[in-house]
Amino acid sequence: MIVIEIKSERKVISMNEKPMAGGLKNKRPISKYKAGAIEAAIFNNEREHNGVIVGFKTISLSRSYKKHGEDLWRHENINLRRNDLPKIILVLQKAQEELLLNQKAGEKDD
């Protein structure tokens, strides 16, 4: 754990947070999982609730891609809470089910 003194105020930064200029923090994920161009990262977060600091985790899903004819990588992100995961999994499974069951012979997979 790193302790930083800023304007006579003590801030405790966990090892997955990197101090930046101006006292801001760049959070690093505690875990990452990748399959092709899709990545999920899990982050520790804190917020104050009724005067008490409460810890919680969030998930960041991202997809990296290059546009046709460009050499620039682009990224799409969606940030989720733990309770969103079962719903996301369910709707993606249903979408996959429909796409696979309604696939016509000779149709290409993307």
Protein backbone atom coordinates (compact mmCIF):
# COMPACT_ATOMS: atom_id res chain seq x y z
CA MET A 1 0.00 0.00 0.00
CA ILE A 2 1.27 3.49 -0.88
CA VAL A 3 0.49 6.50 1.32
CA ILE A 4 0.60 9.94 -0.32
CA GLU A 5 0.46 13.31 1.47
CA ILE A 6 -1.47 15.95 -0.51
CA LYS A 7 -2.17 19.38 1.05
CA SER A 8 -2.06 17.95 4.57
CA GLU A 9 -4.58 15.31 3.56
CA ARG A 10 -3.60 11.64 3.69
CA LYS A 11 -4.74 9.46 0.84
CA VAL A 12 -4.22 5.72 0.81
CA ILE A 13 -3.81 4.20 -2.62
CA SER A 14 -3.99 0.46 -3.12
CA MET A 15 -1.44 -1.29 -5.31
CA ASN A 16 -3.86 -1.48 -8.25
CA GLU A 17 -4.04 2.34 -8.45
CA LYS A 18 -1.32 4.42 -10.00
CA PRO A 19 -0.87 8.01 -8.73
CA MET A 20 -1.01 10.66 -11.44
CA ALA A 21 -0.39 14.40 -11.62
CA GLY A 22 -2.84 16.48 -9.59
CA GLY A 23 -3.61 13.67 -7.17
CA LEU A 24 -5.83 11.77 -9.62
CA LYS A 25 -5.65 8.00 -9.79
CA ASN A 26 -5.41 5.76 -12.82
CA LYS A 27 -7.07 2.52 -11.74
CA ARG A 28 -5.56 -0.69 -12.96
CA PRO A 29 -7.70 -3.81 -13.31
CA ILE A 30 -7.31 -6.57 -10.74
CA SER A 31 -7.99 -9.18 -13.46
CA LYS A 32 -8.17 -9.28 -17.26
CA TYR A 33 -9.53 -11.91 -19.63
CA LYS A 34 -9.20 -11.77 -23.41
CA ALA A 35 -10.59 -13.78 -26.33
CA GLY A 36 -9.55 -12.39 -29.70
CA ALA A 37 -10.49 -8.71 -29.85
CA ILE A 38 -12.84 -8.92 -26.82
CA GLU A 39 -11.52 -8.15 -23.35
CA ALA A 40 -13.08 -8.07 -19.88
CA ALA A 41 -11.33 -6.26 -17.03
CA ILE A 42 -12.39 -6.31 -13.37
CA PHE A 43 -11.81 -3.24 -11.20
CA ASN A 44 -12.04 -2.56 -7.45
CA ASN A 45 -13.99 0.60 -6.67
CA GLU A 46 -15.02 2.53 -3.58
CA ARG A 47 -17.73 5.02 -2.78
CA GLU A 48 -19.17 6.62 0.32
CA HIS A 49 -22.58 5.37 1.43
CA ASN A 50 -24.13 6.75 4.64
CA GLY A 51 -20.73 8.00 5.78
CA VAL A 52 -19.05 4.62 5.25
CA ILE A 53 -16.64 3.73 2.45
CA VAL A 54 -18.06 0.74 0.60
CA GLY A 55 -16.05 -1.38 -1.82
CA PHE A 56 -17.52 -2.90 -4.99
CA LYS A 57 -16.30 -4.33 -8.28
CA THR A 58 -17.10 -3.30 -11.83
CA ILE A 59 -16.45 -4.96 -15.16
CA SER A 60 -15.28 -3.20 -18.28
CA LEU A 61 -15.97 -5.00 -21.58
CA SER A 62 -14.11 -3.77 -24.63
CA ARG A 63 -13.80 -4.65 -28.30
CA SER A 64 -10.81 -3.49 -30.33
CA TYR A 65 -10.98 -3.19 -34.11
CA LYS A 66 -9.53 -1.45 -37.14
CA LYS A 67 -11.78 0.15 -39.72
CA HIS A 68 -11.34 -1.17 -43.25
CA GLY A 69 -8.57 0.76 -44.98
CA GLU A 70 -7.31 2.45 -41.79
CA ASP A 71 -4.29 1.67 -39.64
CA LEU A 72 -5.79 3.13 -36.46
CA TRP A 73 -7.05 0.87 -33.66
CA ARG A 74 -10.45 1.79 -32.24
CA HIS A 75 -12.05 0.63 -29.00
CA GLU A 76 -15.65 0.25 -27.84
CA ASN A 77 -16.27 0.00 -24.09
CA ILE A 78 -19.17 -0.80 -21.82
CA ASN A 79 -18.91 -0.63 -18.02
CA LEU A 80 -21.03 -2.99 -15.94
CA ARG A 81 -21.80 -3.84 -12.35
CA ARG A 82 -21.70 -7.38 -10.96
CA ASN A 83 -25.51 -7.67 -11.09
CA ASP A 84 -25.48 -6.89 -14.83
CA LEU A 85 -23.49 -10.02 -15.73
CA PRO A 86 -26.27 -12.65 -15.57
CA LYS A 87 -28.53 -10.41 -17.69
CA ILE A 88 -25.78 -9.76 -20.26
CA ILE A 89 -24.98 -13.49 -20.46
CA LEU A 90 -28.67 -14.36 -20.90
CA VAL A 91 -29.37 -11.88 -23.71
CA LEU A 92 -26.14 -12.81 -25.53
CA GLN A 93 -27.00 -16.52 -25.31
CA LYS A 94 -30.49 -15.83 -26.68
CA ALA A 95 -29.05 -13.75 -29.54
CA GLN A 96 -26.51 -16.49 -30.32
CA GLU A 97 -29.25 -19.13 -30.21
CA GLU A 98 -31.38 -17.24 -32.72
CA LEU A 99 -28.45 -16.56 -35.04
CA LEU A 100 -27.32 -20.19 -35.02
CA LEU A 101 -30.80 -21.71 -35.34
CA ASN A 102 -31.80 -19.37 -38.17
CA GLN A 103 -28.51 -19.62 -40.07
CA LYS A 104 -29.05 -20.55 -43.69
CA ALA A 105 -26.84 -23.14 -45.43
CA GLY A 106 -23.76 -21.53 -46.94
CA GLU A 107 -24.12 -18.38 -44.83
CA LYS A 108 -20.76 -17.12 -43.57
CA ASP A 109 -19.93 -16.70 -39.88
CA ASP A 110 -18.40 -13.30 -39.04
